[in-house]
Protein backbone atom coordinates (compact mmCIF):
# COMPACT_ATOMS: atom_id res chain seq x y z
CA UNK A 1 -51.96 30.96 26.64
CA UNK A 2 -53.41 32.87 29.55
CA UNK A 3 -54.58 36.68 29.13
CA UNK A 4 -54.48 38.85 31.63
CA UNK A 5 -56.75 41.70 31.80
CA UNK A 6 -57.74 43.92 34.58
CA UNK A 7 -61.55 44.39 36.15
CA UNK A 8 -62.34 47.07 33.50
CA UNK A 9 -61.01 48.14 30.34
CA UNK A 10 -63.37 50.58 28.65
CA UNK A 11 -60.86 53.60 28.89
CA UNK A 12 -57.88 51.23 27.67
CA UNK A 13 -60.80 50.10 24.58
CA UNK A 14 -61.46 53.62 23.42
CA UNK A 15 -57.78 54.88 23.46
CA UNK A 16 -56.49 51.36 21.84
CA UNK A 17 -59.27 52.48 18.85
CA UNK A 18 -57.70 55.57 18.60
CA UNK A 19 -54.05 54.75 18.43
CA UNK A 20 -55.26 51.93 15.74
CA UNK A 21 -57.12 54.57 14.02
CA UNK A 22 -53.03 55.94 13.41
CA UNK A 23 -50.81 52.49 12.75
CA UNK A 24 -49.00 51.98 9.90
CA UNK A 25 -48.26 48.54 8.52
CA UNK A 26 -45.05 48.61 10.13
CA UNK A 27 -41.96 48.40 6.99
CA UNK A 28 -39.80 44.97 6.16
CA UNK A 29 -36.40 45.76 6.43
CA UNK A 30 -35.15 42.77 7.66
CA UNK A 31 -34.39 39.80 5.67
CA UNK A 32 -34.86 35.63 6.62
CA UNK A 33 -31.05 34.31 5.28
CA UNK A 34 -32.79 31.23 5.50
CA UNK A 35 -35.85 31.63 3.34
CA UNK A 36 -34.67 34.71 1.83
CA UNK A 37 -37.96 36.91 3.01
CA UNK A 38 -38.35 40.11 4.05
CA UNK A 39 -40.16 40.88 7.18
CA UNK A 40 -40.19 43.78 9.39
CA UNK A 41 -37.58 43.44 12.98
CA UNK A 42 -38.59 44.60 16.68
CA UNK A 43 -36.86 47.91 15.91
CA UNK A 44 -39.52 48.39 13.10
CA UNK A 45 -42.07 47.07 14.88
CA UNK A 46 -41.45 49.09 17.62
CA UNK A 47 -40.75 52.29 15.55
CA UNK A 48 -44.93 52.02 13.91
CA UNK A 49 -46.47 51.60 17.03
CA UNK A 50 -44.79 53.78 19.87
CA UNK A 51 -45.64 57.50 18.94
CA UNK A 52 -49.39 56.25 18.11
CA UNK A 53 -49.49 54.75 21.52
CA UNK A 54 -47.48 57.36 23.60
CA UNK A 55 -50.20 59.68 22.32
CA UNK A 56 -53.13 57.53 24.18
CA UNK A 57 -51.62 57.16 27.04
CA UNK A 58 -50.57 53.40 26.06
CA UNK A 59 -47.68 51.49 26.76
CA UNK A 60 -46.15 48.32 26.65
CA UNK A 61 -44.39 46.04 28.64
CA UNK A 62 -42.78 42.58 28.28
CA UNK A 63 -41.33 40.44 31.07
CA UNK A 64 -39.20 37.49 29.99
CA UNK A 65 -38.62 34.25 31.97
CA UNK A 66 -37.14 30.84 31.30
CA UNK A 67 -38.13 27.28 32.67
CA UNK A 68 -35.85 25.04 31.51
CA UNK A 69 -35.91 24.98 27.61
CA UNK A 70 -38.60 26.95 27.45
CA UNK A 71 -38.48 30.56 27.11
CA UNK A 72 -42.15 32.43 28.13
CA UNK A 73 -43.24 36.21 27.39
CA UNK A 74 -45.76 38.50 29.26
CA UNK A 75 -46.80 41.45 27.84
CA UNK A 76 -48.96 43.62 28.92
CA UNK A 77 -50.84 46.69 27.00
CA UNK A 78 -50.92 49.80 30.15
CA UNK A 79 -53.15 52.65 29.83
CA UNK A 80 -52.95 55.59 32.06
CA UNK A 81 -56.04 54.79 33.93
CA UNK A 82 -54.68 51.69 35.24
CA UNK A 83 -56.60 49.38 33.34
CA UNK A 84 -54.22 46.59 30.83
CA UNK A 85 -54.31 43.32 29.12
CA UNK A 86 -51.94 40.63 28.71
CA UNK A 87 -51.22 37.47 27.36
CA UNK A 88 -48.51 35.05 27.72
CA UNK A 89 -46.40 33.15 24.94
CA UNK A 90 -43.69 30.65 24.85
CA UNK A 91 -41.20 28.89 22.52
CA UNK A 92 -38.84 25.63 23.25
CA UNK A 93 -35.37 26.28 22.68
CA UNK A 94 -33.19 23.60 21.11
CA UNK A 95 -29.72 24.91 22.77
CA UNK A 96 -28.90 25.81 26.28
CA UNK A 97 -27.16 28.92 25.45
CA UNK A 98 -27.55 33.02 25.46
CA UNK A 99 -27.83 33.40 21.79
CA UNK A 100 -30.39 31.12 21.27
CA UNK A 101 -32.61 32.10 24.23
CA UNK A 102 -32.11 35.77 22.69
CA UNK A 103 -33.05 34.86 19.64
CA UNK A 104 -36.14 33.67 20.96
CA UNK A 105 -37.16 35.56 23.12
CA UNK A 106 -36.84 38.41 20.40
CA UNK A 107 -39.02 36.53 18.14
CA UNK A 108 -41.71 36.21 20.76
CA UNK A 109 -41.27 40.44 21.65
CA UNK A 110 -42.03 40.71 17.85
CA UNK A 111 -44.93 38.79 17.60
CA UNK A 112 -46.16 39.70 20.90
CA UNK A 113 -45.82 43.30 20.11
CA UNK A 114 -47.50 43.30 16.89
CA UNK A 115 -50.79 40.48 18.03
CA UNK A 116 -51.66 42.88 21.10
CA UNK A 117 -51.55 46.57 19.51
CA UNK A 118 -53.32 45.27 15.74
CA UNK A 119 -50.03 46.20 14.13
CA UNK A 120 -49.58 44.95 10.48
CA UNK A 121 -46.60 44.61 8.64
CA UNK A 122 -47.14 43.96 4.16
CA UNK A 123 -47.64 40.59 3.20
CA UNK A 124 -44.45 38.44 4.40
CA UNK A 125 -42.00 37.90 6.91
CA UNK A 126 -40.36 35.23 8.87
CA UNK A 127 -42.85 32.93 9.85
CA UNK A 128 -42.63 30.73 6.70
CA UNK A 129 -40.06 28.93 9.22
CA UNK A 130 -43.10 27.10 11.13
CA UNK A 131 -44.02 26.14 7.44
CA UNK A 132 -43.10 22.55 5.19
CA UNK A 133 -39.39 23.02 4.35
CA UNK A 134 -38.29 24.79 1.31
CA UNK A 135 -37.35 21.74 -0.05
CA UNK A 136 -38.37 17.94 0.12
CA UNK A 137 -36.90 15.44 1.64
CA UNK A 138 -35.08 13.33 -0.51
CA UNK A 139 -37.01 10.63 -0.89
CA UNK A 140 -34.89 6.89 -0.38
CA UNK A 141 -35.26 3.84 -2.78
CA UNK A 142 -37.05 0.88 -1.85
CA UNK A 143 -35.30 -1.71 0.12
CA UNK A 144 -34.76 -4.96 -2.01
CA UNK A 145 -35.56 -8.29 -1.10
CA UNK A 146 -32.49 -10.27 -0.53
CA UNK A 147 -32.54 -13.71 -2.79
CA UNK A 148 -32.58 -16.04 0.03
CA UNK A 149 -35.72 -14.07 1.73
CA UNK A 150 -37.11 -15.06 -1.73
CA UNK A 151 -36.02 -18.45 -1.95
CA UNK A 152 -38.13 -18.61 1.41
CA UNK A 153 -41.19 -17.31 0.44
CA UNK A 154 -41.48 -19.34 -2.54
CA UNK A 155 -41.35 -22.28 -0.23
CA UNK A 156 -44.51 -21.40 1.69
CA UNK A 157 -45.85 -20.12 -1.82
CA UNK A 158 -45.29 -23.74 -2.83
CA UNK A 159 -46.53 -25.25 0.26
CA UNK A 160 -49.87 -23.16 0.77
CA UNK A 161 -51.03 -22.91 -2.88
CA UNK A 162 -52.45 -19.65 -3.31
CA UNK A 163 -50.79 -17.89 -0.85
CA UNK A 164 -48.97 -14.39 -1.39
CA UNK A 165 -45.63 -12.68 -0.09
CA UNK A 166 -45.75 -9.31 0.35
CA UNK A 167 -42.42 -7.91 1.12
CA UNK A 168 -42.31 -5.21 3.55
CA UNK A 169 -38.93 -3.14 4.28
CA UNK A 170 -37.58 -3.56 7.90
CA UNK A 171 -38.30 -0.22 9.72
CA UNK A 172 -37.44 -1.10 13.00
CA UNK A 173 -34.56 0.18 14.68
CA UNK A 174 -33.32 -2.68 16.50
CA UNK A 175 -33.78 -5.01 12.92
CA UNK A 176 -36.65 -6.57 13.51
CA UNK A 177 -39.67 -6.82 10.76
CA UNK A 178 -42.47 -4.26 10.67
CA UNK A 179 -45.77 -5.51 10.96
CA UNK A 180 -46.81 -6.57 7.45
CA UNK A 181 -50.30 -5.10 8.17
CA UNK A 182 -49.51 -2.08 10.52
CA UNK A 183 -46.12 -0.88 9.81
CA UNK A 184 -45.60 -1.18 14.10
CA UNK A 185 -43.57 -3.66 16.36
CA UNK A 186 -44.03 -7.54 16.71
CA UNK A 187 -43.63 -10.25 19.54
CA UNK A 188 -40.36 -12.37 18.01
CA UNK A 189 -41.61 -15.90 18.97
CA UNK A 190 -39.10 -17.63 17.10
CA UNK A 191 -37.26 -18.82 20.71
CA UNK A 192 -32.80 -18.96 21.48
CA UNK A 193 -31.48 -22.26 21.49
CA UNK A 194 -31.68 -21.76 25.53
CA UNK A 195 -35.47 -21.28 25.39
CA UNK A 196 -36.89 -23.34 21.89
CA UNK A 197 -40.51 -22.01 20.48
CA UNK A 198 -43.18 -23.55 23.06
CA UNK A 199 -45.44 -23.89 19.70
CA UNK A 200 -44.15 -24.86 16.92
CA UNK A 201 -47.27 -24.12 15.04
CA UNK A 202 -46.99 -20.52 15.83
CA UNK A 203 -46.08 -18.00 13.67
CA UNK A 204 -42.19 -16.71 13.34
CA UNK A 205 -43.76 -13.22 14.50
CA UNK A 206 -46.65 -11.46 15.81
CA UNK A 207 -47.98 -7.63 16.14
CA UNK A 208 -47.90 -6.14 19.12
CA UNK A 209 -50.87 -4.19 18.63
CA UNK A 210 -53.98 -6.53 19.77
CA UNK A 211 -56.51 -4.53 17.43
CA UNK A 212 -54.29 -5.81 14.02
CA UNK A 213 -53.49 -9.69 13.29
CA UNK A 214 -50.57 -9.09 11.23
CA UNK A 215 -48.08 -12.43 11.78
CA UNK A 216 -44.83 -13.06 9.67
CA UNK A 217 -44.91 -17.21 9.36
CA UNK A 218 -41.85 -18.61 9.18
CA UNK A 219 -40.74 -20.68 5.23
CA UNK A 220 -41.69 -24.17 5.54
CA UNK A 221 -40.81 -27.06 3.14
CA UNK A 222 -43.48 -29.03 1.37
CA UNK A 223 -46.56 -31.06 4.10
CA UNK A 224 -45.84 -34.29 2.30
CA UNK A 225 -42.98 -36.25 2.05
CA UNK A 226 -42.07 -37.42 -2.18
CA UNK A 227 -43.50 -41.68 -2.04
CA UNK A 228 -40.86 -43.58 -2.88
CA UNK A 229 -42.09 -46.19 -5.46
CA UNK A 230 -41.34 -50.01 -4.68
CA UNK A 231 -39.12 -52.05 -7.12
CA UNK A 232 -41.11 -54.52 -8.20
CA UNK A 233 -39.84 -58.42 -8.25
CA UNK A 234 -39.02 -60.37 -10.84
CA UNK A 235 -41.62 -63.60 -11.01
CA UNK A 236 -40.83 -66.47 -9.12
CA UNK A 237 -39.21 -68.22 -6.34
CA UNK A 238 -37.35 -65.91 -3.76
CA UNK A 239 -33.45 -66.29 -4.74
CA UNK A 240 -31.34 -68.10 -1.88
CA UNK A 241 -29.34 -64.77 0.10
CA UNK A 242 -26.14 -67.72 -0.45
CA UNK A 243 -26.78 -66.90 -4.42
CA UNK A 244 -27.08 -63.35 -4.39
CA UNK A 245 -23.21 -61.92 -5.92
CA UNK A 246 -22.13 -59.69 -2.77
């Protein structure tokens, strides 16, 4: 936001002080349909300031402009002495059509006019639109791990005593898992059939944030194979193979 001002504003300041002494709060005669609140619209603001400003040689000029999807408004408070003060305000619009531009300009004109002359309205206005939504967003139920994932996690915990599995819901748009520590994106180290994993001992996923140590290890089998006990042979001489019943 930029401020515009003449080299001197002594006469303007004196006139504005006199005009403000006569200002009455703007009437809240408009209703915001989204929040069911009353507010003073642009017409009510002008009705409240027009006569006091004119009696003391003051006037307001508002100059609009459009820069891409940003609507800008320069508001100037002028005095008959030639002194002036002013400021710029801007708002971004979601749709590039005439109603959206007109609505944004009306909004900027009303607030800029009230600000530059010190006009107030009775308590509420439609500024609640800049606050949080009236109804909180609906919480989505936490995703539950599949049976396959539970089975794989159980394998890891059996292979590595003391390990504890933490299930983290996938939040990335490409379906890849999120980092279990920071929730960010991860590098996929699993490899492909044409380009297998170069280091089999490396984790399947590693956090892309170099300052984070989040990793996801692949499910692993038992670290040692079960030992097969040898069947004891009977005492005595080794039987001849020709005597074996096969």
